[in-house]
């Protein structure tokens, strides 16, 4: 099984590019220049400029910060919620498990993106609001996977012995369940980052996400709608950054999933 070195390198490059790039490339992401409107990529503007004459490379660097923060923050919270709720439901069972199943089914009744649209339409979008909303609408898949795995762990003899011995439920969850469930968490997290970035990009593309003067890759893409035919670079570069991140994360997630399945097979 090949290790995803290329994907890891791409991911590290994108993070470095987004959070350290403005130390190397010092052009402003906000300065308007009427004499440089929709200039194609050149030495002066490597990614070209947008319809207001703003340097696109500087904007892609600045927008990457918000897109990656929203992606990582949303994925962390959503995966953590899924881990805690799924593990609790699988361990306690009974009424707790039934309430969990009803909650998941209720959330999954509505397509996730339409649920995002419904929630975001009632509030003013910001980084924290988007992280919260994407997290609330993205924990269900992780929760179901964790619950299923927790049922298998609960049936193990050593868990039954611990329950008979009167060991604290919280101690069992934290000391014995958490290490066994960690691989699923990390797989869900890596997959969730890409999903959250795509969700934010979709909302921003529709004008419901990040608003000026803040910017994200999705917000930059939304400005390209009206100039795609005459200025391809406005949409291509932020779109390519989104592709690089999601593609790399999917490869890493697939590797972690295969690694987890191999460990399960050995244990079994």
Foldseek 3Di string as FASTA:
>chain_A
DDALPVLVVLQVVLVCCQPVVCVVVVFDQPDFDPVQALAPADPVQNLGAHRRRGRLSNQASQQAVLLQCLLLLLLLLLLVVLQVLLLVCLQVPDPSVVVLVVVLVVLVVDPLLVQLVVVLVVDQADSVVLSVSSSVSRNSVSNVVNNVVNNVVCPDPVNVVCVVVVPDPVCCCVPPSCVLCVLSSVLSSLQRSLVSSVSQLVCLLVVSHDDPPRHHLSVQLNSCPVPCVPRVSSNVVSVVSSVSSNVSSNVNSVVSVVVSVVVVVVVD
